[in-house]
Amino acid sequence: MTPDPGASAERTRLAWRRTGLSAAAVGLLAARPAFTPDATPPRVLLAAAAMTGWVILVRLSYLRVRGLRRGPPQPGRRTVVAYAWVTVGLAIIGGLVVTL
């Protein structure tokens, strides 16, 4: 049986899309405290940072999916590293949201 490189690229594309959707959920949960009546300026800034991080993650996902459509799929070394750093930033923002 010969391997099908198209199927693995398709699975990877779907995984990147799922990851982008989960990043949207994290961003919205991090922004939620900014929409309460007693929201303080730090909460609003953290919400803005969370939404900015989410936009960056969606853009990186889009770039990676586009790179996978090319034949043969291009490795995404820089995209993956950038995605990891933004994810760490969102984790820090999430920690700050909990403590404020």
C-alpha atoms as a PDB file:
ATOM      1  CA  MET A   1       0.000   0.000   0.000  1.00  0.00           C
ATOM      2  CA  THR A   2       1.446   3.386  -0.951  1.00  0.00           C
ATOM      3  CA  PRO A   3       1.195   6.315   1.464  1.00  0.00           C
ATOM      4  CA  ASP A   4      -1.151   9.115   0.522  1.00  0.00           C
ATOM      5  CA  PRO A   5       0.552  12.477   1.183  1.00  0.00           C
ATOM      6  CA  GLY A   6      -2.671  14.319   0.398  1.00  0.00           C
ATOM      7  CA  ALA A   7      -4.529  12.676   3.269  1.00  0.00           C
ATOM      8  CA  SER A   8      -1.919  13.655   5.850  1.00  0.00           C
ATOM      9  CA  ALA A   9      -1.901  17.255   4.588  1.00  0.00           C
ATOM     10  CA  GLU A  10      -5.700  17.320   4.825  1.00  0.00           C
ATOM     11  CA  ARG A  11      -5.621  16.009   8.410  1.00  0.00           C
ATOM     12  CA  THR A  12      -3.053  18.660   9.299  1.00  0.00           C
ATOM     13  CA  ARG A  13      -5.189  21.393   7.710  1.00  0.00           C
ATOM     14  CA  LEU A  14      -8.183  20.247   9.728  1.00  0.00           C
ATOM     15  CA  ALA A  15      -6.099  20.185  12.902  1.00  0.00           C
ATOM     16  CA  TRP A  16      -4.975  23.782  12.296  1.00  0.00           C
ATOM     17  CA  ARG A  17      -8.597  24.832  11.819  1.00  0.00           C
ATOM     18  CA  ARG A  18      -9.656  23.111  15.036  1.00  0.00           C
ATOM     19  CA  THR A  19      -6.808  24.816  16.846  1.00  0.00           C
ATOM     20  CA  GLY A  20      -7.941  28.190  15.510  1.00  0.00           C
ATOM     21  CA  LEU A  21     -11.462  27.524  16.768  1.00  0.00           C
ATOM     22  CA  SER A  22     -10.194  26.567  20.209  1.00  0.00           C
ATOM     23  CA  ALA A  23      -8.090  29.760  20.249  1.00  0.00           C
ATOM     24  CA  ALA A  24     -11.292  31.702  19.573  1.00  0.00           C
ATOM     25  CA  ALA A  25     -12.917  30.095  22.610  1.00  0.00           C
ATOM     26  CA  VAL A  26      -9.907  30.949  24.791  1.00  0.00           C
ATOM     27  CA  GLY A  27      -9.837  34.528  23.526  1.00  0.00           C
ATOM     28  CA  LEU A  28     -13.541  35.015  24.196  1.00  0.00           C
ATOM     29  CA  LEU A  29     -13.283  33.529  27.680  1.00  0.00           C
ATOM     30  CA  ALA A  30     -10.329  35.781  28.472  1.00  0.00           C
ATOM     31  CA  ALA A  31     -12.257  38.823  27.219  1.00  0.00           C
ATOM     32  CA  ARG A  32     -15.423  38.008  29.150  1.00  0.00           C
ATOM     33  CA  PRO A  33     -14.469  39.841  32.413  1.00  0.00           C
ATOM     34  CA  ALA A  34     -14.082  43.093  30.457  1.00  0.00           C
ATOM     35  CA  PHE A  35     -17.803  43.121  29.710  1.00  0.00           C
ATOM     36  CA  THR A  36     -19.020  43.193  33.304  1.00  0.00           C
ATOM     37  CA  PRO A  37     -20.414  46.398  34.834  1.00  0.00           C
ATOM     38  CA  ASP A  38     -17.463  46.655  37.257  1.00  0.00           C
ATOM     39  CA  ALA A  39     -14.779  46.199  34.575  1.00  0.00           C
ATOM     40  CA  THR A  40     -11.553  47.969  35.395  1.00  0.00           C
ATOM     41  CA  PRO A  41      -9.100  49.376  32.832  1.00  0.00           C
ATOM     42  CA  PRO A  42      -6.636  46.473  33.350  1.00  0.00           C
ATOM     43  CA  ARG A  43      -9.404  43.996  32.531  1.00  0.00           C
ATOM     44  CA  VAL A  44     -10.279  45.900  29.371  1.00  0.00           C
ATOM     45  CA  LEU A  45      -6.596  45.967  28.341  1.00  0.00           C
ATOM     46  CA  LEU A  46      -6.271  42.238  28.991  1.00  0.00           C
ATOM     47  CA  ALA A  47      -9.377  41.628  26.891  1.00  0.00           C
ATOM     48  CA  ALA A  48      -7.886  43.686  24.076  1.00  0.00           C
ATOM     49  CA  ALA A  49      -4.626  41.734  24.353  1.00  0.00           C
ATOM     50  CA  ALA A  50      -6.535  38.427  24.299  1.00  0.00           C
ATOM     51  CA  MET A  51      -8.455  39.433  21.190  1.00  0.00           C
ATOM     52  CA  THR A  52      -5.242  40.616  19.527  1.00  0.00           C
ATOM     53  CA  GLY A  53      -3.626  37.264  20.337  1.00  0.00           C
ATOM     54  CA  TRP A  54      -6.623  35.484  18.875  1.00  0.00           C
ATOM     55  CA  VAL A  55      -6.385  37.485  15.645  1.00  0.00           C
ATOM     56  CA  ILE A  56      -2.677  36.638  15.385  1.00  0.00           C
ATOM     57  CA  LEU A  57      -3.399  32.933  15.924  1.00  0.00           C
ATOM     58  CA  VAL A  58      -6.106  32.911  13.270  1.00  0.00           C
ATOM     59  CA  ARG A  59      -3.762  34.637  10.822  1.00  0.00           C
ATOM     60  CA  LEU A  60      -0.966  32.146  11.558  1.00  0.00           C
ATOM     61  CA  SER A  61      -3.406  29.256  11.095  1.00  0.00           C
ATOM     62  CA  TYR A  62      -4.496  30.686   7.778  1.00  0.00           C
ATOM     63  CA  LEU A  63      -0.885  31.012   6.625  1.00  0.00           C
ATOM     64  CA  ARG A  64      -0.101  27.446   7.681  1.00  0.00           C
ATOM     65  CA  VAL A  65      -3.165  26.020   5.936  1.00  0.00           C
ATOM     66  CA  ARG A  66      -2.224  27.928   2.798  1.00  0.00           C
ATOM     67  CA  GLY A  67       1.289  26.482   3.002  1.00  0.00           C
ATOM     68  CA  LEU A  68      -0.169  22.986   3.224  1.00  0.00           C
ATOM     69  CA  ARG A  69      -2.188  23.475   0.029  1.00  0.00           C
ATOM     70  CA  ARG A  70       0.933  23.907  -2.041  1.00  0.00           C
ATOM     71  CA  GLY A  71       2.264  20.805  -3.693  1.00  0.00           C
ATOM     72  CA  PRO A  72       4.302  19.403  -2.022  1.00  0.00           C
ATOM     73  CA  PRO A  73       3.297  20.864   1.366  1.00  0.00           C
ATOM     74  CA  GLN A  74       5.859  23.300   2.758  1.00  0.00           C
ATOM     75  CA  PRO A  75       7.231  22.821   6.284  1.00  0.00           C
ATOM     76  CA  GLY A  76       5.876  25.376   8.732  1.00  0.00           C
ATOM     77  CA  ARG A  77       8.801  25.831  11.092  1.00  0.00           C
ATOM     78  CA  ARG A  78       8.416  29.587  11.641  1.00  0.00           C
ATOM     79  CA  THR A  79       4.639  29.440  11.759  1.00  0.00           C
ATOM     80  CA  VAL A  80       4.632  26.699  14.382  1.00  0.00           C
ATOM     81  CA  VAL A  81       7.178  28.510  16.570  1.00  0.00           C
ATOM     82  CA  ALA A  82       5.273  31.794  16.308  1.00  0.00           C
ATOM     83  CA  TYR A  83       2.029  29.998  17.141  1.00  0.00           C
ATOM     84  CA  ALA A  84       3.645  28.462  20.212  1.00  0.00           C
ATOM     85  CA  TRP A  85       4.866  31.860  21.458  1.00  0.00           C
ATOM     86  CA  VAL A  86       1.469  33.494  20.983  1.00  0.00           C
ATOM     87  CA  THR A  87      -0.141  30.561  22.795  1.00  0.00           C
ATOM     88  CA  VAL A  88       2.239  31.075  25.728  1.00  0.00           C
ATOM     89  CA  GLY A  89       1.279  34.757  25.701  1.00  0.00           C
ATOM     90  CA  LEU A  90      -2.403  33.841  25.823  1.00  0.00           C
ATOM     91  CA  ALA A  91      -1.711  31.516  28.752  1.00  0.00           C
ATOM     92  CA  ILE A  92      -0.063  34.407  30.610  1.00  0.00           C
ATOM     93  CA  ILE A  93      -3.012  36.655  29.802  1.00  0.00           C
ATOM     94  CA  GLY A  94      -5.357  33.934  31.083  1.00  0.00           C
ATOM     95  CA  GLY A  95      -3.417  33.774  34.324  1.00  0.00           C
ATOM     96  CA  LEU A  96      -3.662  37.534  34.698  1.00  0.00           C
ATOM     97  CA  VAL A  97      -7.393  37.455  34.019  1.00  0.00           C
ATOM     98  CA  VAL A  98      -7.855  34.971  36.845  1.00  0.00           C
ATOM     99  CA  THR A  99      -5.781  36.987  39.309  1.00  0.00           C
ATOM    100  CA  LEU A 100      -7.316  40.411  38.575  1.00  0.00           C
END
